[in-house]
Amino acid sequence: MSATATNCSLFEIDMELDDLMEQIQKQIDEEGEASSILMERFQEFCKAHGEKVDRIARFIQSMEARTQHCRSEANRLTRRARAAESKTLRTKSMVLYYLKGRSLKRIEGVEFTLRCQRNAQDSVVIPSEEELPLAYKTVHVALNGAHWEMLLDSVSDDLRQMLGNAVREAIPDTEAIKLAAARQEKVEGAEVKRGEHLRVE
């Protein structure tokens, strides 16, 4: 890559090309032709412009690939963490079963000791979640805004306030907004327009 492409930003190269075009046109108008020095500089910046575009495109492709890799790795590592946690719990349960079956408090190895330790506080054990009453569960519900409003309108003020306080997050429903726009309905705080994105070819 040329020094010009390395040291100058795309905007700087573009501005220089505009300036050179004006100088070339001025020389042609005044002298009939542009100087070789000016034309060489113009060609240099044209080349630098192409190199800079390619460099930016390669950077975007590299970052997109890295993003995809990181996401796939995050999913893979999450699955591995769950598997490792499951194996850990099974192994601990097996050792506790062994200790209790032999009325032991601990077993010792060369470097480590495995001990049955009483917990500092009570823990909840749920052998059958299906039998657990709904009143003892935390319910996560996903509703679109229209259905949520219908629900709030159909309950008492006290229950409406309680439901409102239970909301942890409300995110825009882009599909509902698009459908409203298609029906020529105005949605306050939102607009639907055809955007643009950068494509690397």
C-alpha atoms as a PDB file:
ATOM      1  CA  MET A   1       0.000   0.000   0.000  1.00  0.00           C
ATOM      2  CA  SER A   2       1.274   3.468  -0.885  1.00  0.00           C
ATOM      3  CA  ALA A   3       2.340   5.931   1.793  1.00  0.00           C
ATOM      4  CA  THR A   4      -0.495   8.240   0.779  1.00  0.00           C
ATOM      5  CA  ALA A   5      -3.119   5.541   1.354  1.00  0.00           C
ATOM      6  CA  THR A   6      -1.514   4.609   4.676  1.00  0.00           C
ATOM      7  CA  ASN A   7      -1.145   8.114   6.074  1.00  0.00           C
ATOM      8  CA  CYS A   8      -4.331   9.763   4.788  1.00  0.00           C
ATOM      9  CA  SER A   9      -7.954   9.034   5.602  1.00  0.00           C
ATOM     10  CA  LEU A  10     -10.519   8.385   2.880  1.00  0.00           C
ATOM     11  CA  PHE A  11     -11.981  11.846   3.492  1.00  0.00           C
ATOM     12  CA  GLU A  12      -8.557  13.498   3.179  1.00  0.00           C
ATOM     13  CA  ILE A  13      -7.845  11.643  -0.062  1.00  0.00           C
ATOM     14  CA  ASP A  14     -11.250  12.606  -1.433  1.00  0.00           C
ATOM     15  CA  MET A  15     -10.727  16.276  -0.539  1.00  0.00           C
ATOM     16  CA  GLU A  16      -7.284  16.230  -2.155  1.00  0.00           C
ATOM     17  CA  LEU A  17      -8.735  14.716  -5.339  1.00  0.00           C
ATOM     18  CA  ASP A  18     -11.379  17.455  -5.487  1.00  0.00           C
ATOM     19  CA  ASP A  19      -8.678  20.086  -5.039  1.00  0.00           C
ATOM     20  CA  LEU A  20      -6.476  18.496  -7.710  1.00  0.00           C
ATOM     21  CA  MET A  21      -9.388  18.344 -10.142  1.00  0.00           C
ATOM     22  CA  GLU A  22      -9.921  22.079  -9.694  1.00  0.00           C
ATOM     23  CA  GLN A  23      -6.208  22.785 -10.200  1.00  0.00           C
ATOM     24  CA  ILE A  24      -6.077  20.597 -13.311  1.00  0.00           C
ATOM     25  CA  GLN A  25      -9.162  22.240 -14.796  1.00  0.00           C
ATOM     26  CA  LYS A  26      -7.746  25.693 -14.038  1.00  0.00           C
ATOM     27  CA  GLN A  27      -4.425  24.862 -15.719  1.00  0.00           C
ATOM     28  CA  ILE A  28      -6.183  23.451 -18.774  1.00  0.00           C
ATOM     29  CA  ASP A  29      -8.303  26.603 -19.059  1.00  0.00           C
ATOM     30  CA  GLU A  30      -5.277  28.896 -18.669  1.00  0.00           C
ATOM     31  CA  GLU A  31      -2.460  26.948 -20.348  1.00  0.00           C
ATOM     32  CA  GLY A  32      -4.225  24.394 -22.528  1.00  0.00           C
ATOM     33  CA  GLU A  33      -3.008  21.382 -20.559  1.00  0.00           C
ATOM     34  CA  ALA A  34      -2.180  20.297 -17.025  1.00  0.00           C
ATOM     35  CA  SER A  35       1.407  19.893 -15.862  1.00  0.00           C
ATOM     36  CA  SER A  36       2.915  16.419 -15.596  1.00  0.00           C
ATOM     37  CA  ILE A  37       3.604  16.979 -11.889  1.00  0.00           C
ATOM     38  CA  LEU A  38      -0.049  17.765 -11.246  1.00  0.00           C
ATOM     39  CA  MET A  39      -1.224  14.755 -13.275  1.00  0.00           C
ATOM     40  CA  GLU A  40       1.199  12.437 -11.478  1.00  0.00           C
ATOM     41  CA  ARG A  41      -0.094  13.659  -8.129  1.00  0.00           C
ATOM     42  CA  PHE A  42      -3.666  13.172  -9.316  1.00  0.00           C
ATOM     43  CA  GLN A  43      -2.879   9.591 -10.413  1.00  0.00           C
ATOM     44  CA  GLU A  44      -1.151   8.962  -7.080  1.00  0.00           C
ATOM     45  CA  PHE A  45      -4.250   9.990  -5.138  1.00  0.00           C
ATOM     46  CA  CYS A  46      -6.546   8.038  -7.483  1.00  0.00           C
ATOM     47  CA  LYS A  47      -4.482   4.946  -6.739  1.00  0.00           C
ATOM     48  CA  ALA A  48      -4.465   5.761  -3.016  1.00  0.00           C
ATOM     49  CA  HIS A  49      -8.252   6.151  -3.093  1.00  0.00           C
ATOM     50  CA  GLY A  50      -8.688   2.645  -4.515  1.00  0.00           C
ATOM     51  CA  GLU A  51      -6.205   1.174  -2.043  1.00  0.00           C
ATOM     52  CA  LYS A  52      -7.956   2.894   0.857  1.00  0.00           C
ATOM     53  CA  VAL A  53     -11.359   1.578  -0.214  1.00  0.00           C
ATOM     54  CA  ASP A  54      -9.928  -1.948  -0.440  1.00  0.00           C
ATOM     55  CA  ARG A  55      -8.305  -1.598   2.974  1.00  0.00           C
ATOM     56  CA  ILE A  56     -11.578  -0.458   4.541  1.00  0.00           C
ATOM     57  CA  ALA A  57     -13.462  -3.321   2.856  1.00  0.00           C
ATOM     58  CA  ARG A  58     -10.945  -5.880   4.121  1.00  0.00           C
ATOM     59  CA  PHE A  59     -11.214  -4.416   7.628  1.00  0.00           C
ATOM     60  CA  ILE A  60     -15.034  -4.653   7.555  1.00  0.00           C
ATOM     61  CA  GLN A  61     -14.895  -8.262   6.344  1.00  0.00           C
ATOM     62  CA  SER A  62     -12.359  -9.091   9.040  1.00  0.00           C
ATOM     63  CA  MET A  63     -14.493  -7.522  11.785  1.00  0.00           C
ATOM     64  CA  GLU A  64     -17.648  -9.255  10.522  1.00  0.00           C
ATOM     65  CA  ALA A  65     -15.831 -12.592  10.549  1.00  0.00           C
ATOM     66  CA  ARG A  66     -14.518 -11.892  14.053  1.00  0.00           C
ATOM     67  CA  THR A  67     -18.008 -10.942  15.252  1.00  0.00           C
ATOM     68  CA  GLN A  68     -19.469 -14.172  13.876  1.00  0.00           C
ATOM     69  CA  HIS A  69     -16.634 -16.199  15.372  1.00  0.00           C
ATOM     70  CA  CYS A  70     -17.059 -14.584  18.801  1.00  0.00           C
ATOM     71  CA  ARG A  71     -20.807 -15.204  18.753  1.00  0.00           C
ATOM     72  CA  SER A  72     -20.395 -18.836  17.759  1.00  0.00           C
ATOM     73  CA  GLU A  73     -17.667 -19.257  20.375  1.00  0.00           C
ATOM     74  CA  ALA A  74     -19.895 -17.668  23.018  1.00  0.00           C
ATOM     75  CA  ASN A  75     -22.664 -20.153  22.201  1.00  0.00           C
ATOM     76  CA  ARG A  76     -20.220 -23.062  22.158  1.00  0.00           C
ATOM     77  CA  LEU A  77     -18.597 -22.041  25.445  1.00  0.00           C
ATOM     78  CA  THR A  78     -22.010 -21.535  27.061  1.00  0.00           C
ATOM     79  CA  ARG A  79     -22.965 -25.089  26.087  1.00  0.00           C
ATOM     80  CA  ARG A  80     -19.651 -26.394  27.398  1.00  0.00           C
ATOM     81  CA  ALA A  81     -20.095 -24.467  30.657  1.00  0.00           C
ATOM     82  CA  ARG A  82     -23.543 -26.000  31.144  1.00  0.00           C
ATOM     83  CA  ALA A  83     -22.194 -29.466  30.419  1.00  0.00           C
ATOM     84  CA  ALA A  84     -19.284 -28.934  32.833  1.00  0.00           C
ATOM     85  CA  GLU A  85     -21.629 -27.614  35.523  1.00  0.00           C
ATOM     86  CA  SER A  86     -23.905 -30.619  35.070  1.00  0.00           C
ATOM     87  CA  LYS A  87     -20.962 -33.021  35.379  1.00  0.00           C
ATOM     88  CA  THR A  88     -19.756 -31.177  38.484  1.00  0.00           C
ATOM     89  CA  LEU A  89     -23.148 -31.443  40.173  1.00  0.00           C
ATOM     90  CA  ARG A  90     -23.460 -35.136  39.296  1.00  0.00           C
ATOM     91  CA  THR A  91     -19.986 -35.855  40.659  1.00  0.00           C
ATOM     92  CA  LYS A  92     -20.670 -33.951  43.888  1.00  0.00           C
ATOM     93  CA  SER A  93     -23.953 -35.823  44.330  1.00  0.00           C
ATOM     94  CA  MET A  94     -22.178 -39.137  43.805  1.00  0.00           C
ATOM     95  CA  VAL A  95     -19.545 -38.314  46.444  1.00  0.00           C
ATOM     96  CA  LEU A  96     -22.196 -37.149  48.940  1.00  0.00           C
ATOM     97  CA  TYR A  97     -24.130 -40.379  48.318  1.00  0.00           C
ATOM     98  CA  TYR A  98     -20.920 -42.341  48.957  1.00  0.00           C
ATOM     99  CA  LEU A  99     -20.199 -40.458  52.208  1.00  0.00           C
ATOM    100  CA  LYS A 100     -23.742 -40.762  53.549  1.00  0.00           C
ATOM    101  CA  GLY A 101     -23.930 -44.437  52.623  1.00  0.00           C
ATOM    102  CA  ARG A 102     -20.868 -45.098  54.768  1.00  0.00           C
ATOM    103  CA  SER A 103     -21.688 -42.574  57.529  1.00  0.00           C
ATOM    104  CA  LEU A 104     -18.523 -40.629  56.715  1.00  0.00           C
ATOM    105  CA  LYS A 105     -17.934 -36.903  57.047  1.00  0.00           C
ATOM    106  CA  ARG A 106     -14.947 -36.799  54.727  1.00  0.00           C
ATOM    107  CA  ILE A 107     -12.539 -38.798  52.617  1.00  0.00           C
ATOM    108  CA  GLU A 108      -8.925 -37.805  52.096  1.00  0.00           C
ATOM    109  CA  GLY A 109      -6.615 -38.056  49.131  1.00  0.00           C
ATOM    110  CA  VAL A 110      -2.940 -37.143  48.813  1.00  0.00           C
ATOM    111  CA  GLU A 111      -3.631 -33.493  47.974  1.00  0.00           C
ATOM    112  CA  PHE A 112      -7.313 -32.925  48.641  1.00  0.00           C
ATOM    113  CA  THR A 113     -10.032 -33.708  51.157  1.00  0.00           C
ATOM    114  CA  LEU A 114     -13.668 -34.189  50.154  1.00  0.00           C
ATOM    115  CA  ARG A 115     -15.909 -33.156  53.032  1.00  0.00           C
ATOM    116  CA  CYS A 116     -19.658 -33.238  53.594  1.00  0.00           C
ATOM    117  CA  GLN A 117     -20.337 -29.677  54.750  1.00  0.00           C
ATOM    118  CA  ARG A 118     -23.664 -28.461  56.103  1.00  0.00           C
ATOM    119  CA  ASN A 119     -25.002 -25.470  54.170  1.00  0.00           C
ATOM    120  CA  ALA A 120     -25.106 -22.065  55.858  1.00  0.00           C
ATOM    121  CA  GLN A 121     -28.764 -21.636  54.901  1.00  0.00           C
ATOM    122  CA  ASP A 122     -31.688 -23.695  53.715  1.00  0.00           C
ATOM    123  CA  SER A 123     -31.962 -24.465  50.029  1.00  0.00           C
ATOM    124  CA  VAL A 124     -35.092 -25.285  48.057  1.00  0.00           C
ATOM    125  CA  VAL A 125     -35.282 -28.678  46.400  1.00  0.00           C
ATOM    126  CA  ILE A 126     -37.939 -29.171  43.730  1.00  0.00           C
ATOM    127  CA  PRO A 127     -38.208 -32.842  42.739  1.00  0.00           C
ATOM    128  CA  SER A 128     -41.330 -32.261  40.629  1.00  0.00           C
ATOM    129  CA  GLU A 129     -41.766 -28.806  39.128  1.00  0.00           C
ATOM    130  CA  GLU A 130     -45.022 -29.868  37.442  1.00  0.00           C
ATOM    131  CA  GLU A 131     -46.682 -30.344  40.851  1.00  0.00           C
ATOM    132  CA  LEU A 132     -45.535 -26.977  42.204  1.00  0.00           C
ATOM    133  CA  PRO A 133     -48.499 -24.538  42.524  1.00  0.00           C
ATOM    134  CA  LEU A 134     -48.400 -21.553  40.192  1.00  0.00           C
ATOM    135  CA  ALA A 135     -48.475 -19.209  43.195  1.00  0.00           C
ATOM    136  CA  TYR A 136     -44.934 -20.359  44.012  1.00  0.00           C
ATOM    137  CA  LYS A 137     -43.518 -19.700  40.556  1.00  0.00           C
ATOM    138  CA  THR A 138     -42.218 -16.582  38.846  1.00  0.00           C
ATOM    139  CA  VAL A 139     -43.975 -16.272  35.503  1.00  0.00           C
ATOM    140  CA  HIS A 140     -42.242 -14.655  32.520  1.00  0.00           C
ATOM    141  CA  VAL A 141     -44.774 -13.681  29.868  1.00  0.00           C
ATOM    142  CA  ALA A 142     -44.095 -12.250  26.408  1.00  0.00           C
ATOM    143  CA  LEU A 143     -46.991 -10.178  25.029  1.00  0.00           C
ATOM    144  CA  ASN A 144     -47.099  -7.559  22.325  1.00  0.00           C
ATOM    145  CA  GLY A 145     -48.112  -4.081  23.436  1.00  0.00           C
ATOM    146  CA  ALA A 146     -51.641  -4.285  22.019  1.00  0.00           C
ATOM    147  CA  HIS A 147     -52.468  -7.443  23.976  1.00  0.00           C
ATOM    148  CA  TRP A 148     -50.844  -5.968  27.088  1.00  0.00           C
ATOM    149  CA  GLU A 149     -53.069  -2.879  26.843  1.00  0.00           C
ATOM    150  CA  MET A 150     -56.148  -5.102  26.416  1.00  0.00           C
ATOM    151  CA  LEU A 151     -55.161  -6.983  29.553  1.00  0.00           C
ATOM    152  CA  LEU A 152     -54.613  -3.791  31.575  1.00  0.00           C
ATOM    153  CA  ASP A 153     -57.951  -2.356  30.423  1.00  0.00           C
ATOM    154  CA  SER A 154     -59.784  -5.474  31.613  1.00  0.00           C
ATOM    155  CA  VAL A 155     -58.550  -5.519  35.217  1.00  0.00           C
ATOM    156  CA  SER A 156     -59.044  -3.393  38.319  1.00  0.00           C
ATOM    157  CA  ASP A 157     -56.920  -0.330  39.056  1.00  0.00           C
ATOM    158  CA  ASP A 158     -55.010  -2.113  41.826  1.00  0.00           C
ATOM    159  CA  LEU A 159     -54.231  -5.095  39.610  1.00  0.00           C
ATOM    160  CA  ARG A 160     -53.325  -2.776  36.734  1.00  0.00           C
ATOM    161  CA  GLN A 161     -50.794  -1.007  38.937  1.00  0.00           C
ATOM    162  CA  MET A 162     -49.389  -4.311  40.158  1.00  0.00           C
ATOM    163  CA  LEU A 163     -48.998  -5.562  36.593  1.00  0.00           C
ATOM    164  CA  GLY A 164     -47.382  -2.293  35.575  1.00  0.00           C
ATOM    165  CA  ASN A 165     -44.870  -2.570  38.415  1.00  0.00           C
ATOM    166  CA  ALA A 166     -44.008  -6.091  37.263  1.00  0.00           C
ATOM    167  CA  VAL A 167     -42.766  -4.880  33.881  1.00  0.00           C
ATOM    168  CA  ARG A 168     -38.988  -5.173  33.692  1.00  0.00           C
ATOM    169  CA  GLU A 169     -38.498  -4.246  30.048  1.00  0.00           C
ATOM    170  CA  ALA A 170     -40.626  -3.138  27.112  1.00  0.00           C
ATOM    171  CA  ILE A 171     -38.912  -3.209  23.735  1.00  0.00           C
ATOM    172  CA  PRO A 172     -40.238  -1.795  20.437  1.00  0.00           C
ATOM    173  CA  ASP A 173     -42.232  -4.295  18.364  1.00  0.00           C
ATOM    174  CA  THR A 174     -40.858  -3.418  14.931  1.00  0.00           C
ATOM    175  CA  GLU A 175     -43.196  -5.790  13.099  1.00  0.00           C
ATOM    176  CA  ALA A 176     -46.265  -4.160  14.664  1.00  0.00           C
ATOM    177  CA  ILE A 177     -44.887  -0.716  13.756  1.00  0.00           C
ATOM    178  CA  LYS A 178     -44.360  -1.795  10.131  1.00  0.00           C
ATOM    179  CA  LEU A 179     -47.898  -3.177   9.923  1.00  0.00           C
ATOM    180  CA  ALA A 180     -49.299   0.092  11.304  1.00  0.00           C
ATOM    181  CA  ALA A 181     -47.312   2.064   8.726  1.00  0.00           C
ATOM    182  CA  ALA A 182     -48.642  -0.202   5.970  1.00  0.00           C
ATOM    183  CA  ARG A 183     -52.156   0.724   7.141  1.00  0.00           C
ATOM    184  CA  GLN A 184     -51.169   4.410   6.914  1.00  0.00           C
ATOM    185  CA  GLU A 185     -51.411   4.751  10.702  1.00  0.00           C
ATOM    186  CA  LYS A 186     -49.107   7.187  12.493  1.00  0.00           C
ATOM    187  CA  VAL A 187     -47.110   5.720  15.387  1.00  0.00           C
ATOM    188  CA  GLU A 188     -45.861   8.366  17.814  1.00  0.00           C
ATOM    189  CA  GLY A 189     -42.157   8.043  18.541  1.00  0.00           C
ATOM    190  CA  ALA A 190     -41.453   5.833  15.533  1.00  0.00           C
ATOM    191  CA  GLU A 191     -41.176   6.056  11.786  1.00  0.00           C
ATOM    192  CA  VAL A 192     -40.736   3.513   9.033  1.00  0.00           C
ATOM    193  CA  LYS A 193     -38.295   4.329   6.265  1.00  0.00           C
ATOM    194  CA  ARG A 194     -36.100   2.462   3.840  1.00  0.00           C
ATOM    195  CA  GLY A 195     -32.602   2.687   5.252  1.00  0.00           C
ATOM    196  CA  GLU A 196     -29.233   1.886   3.768  1.00  0.00           C
ATOM    197  CA  HIS A 197     -26.440  -0.441   4.726  1.00  0.00           C
ATOM    198  CA  LEU A 198     -22.880  -0.904   3.585  1.00  0.00           C
ATOM    199  CA  ARG A 199     -22.261  -3.968   1.439  1.00  0.00           C
ATOM    200  CA  VAL A 200     -18.765  -5.269   0.767  1.00  0.00           C
ATOM    201  CA  GLU A 201     -18.471  -6.885  -2.667  1.00  0.00           C
END
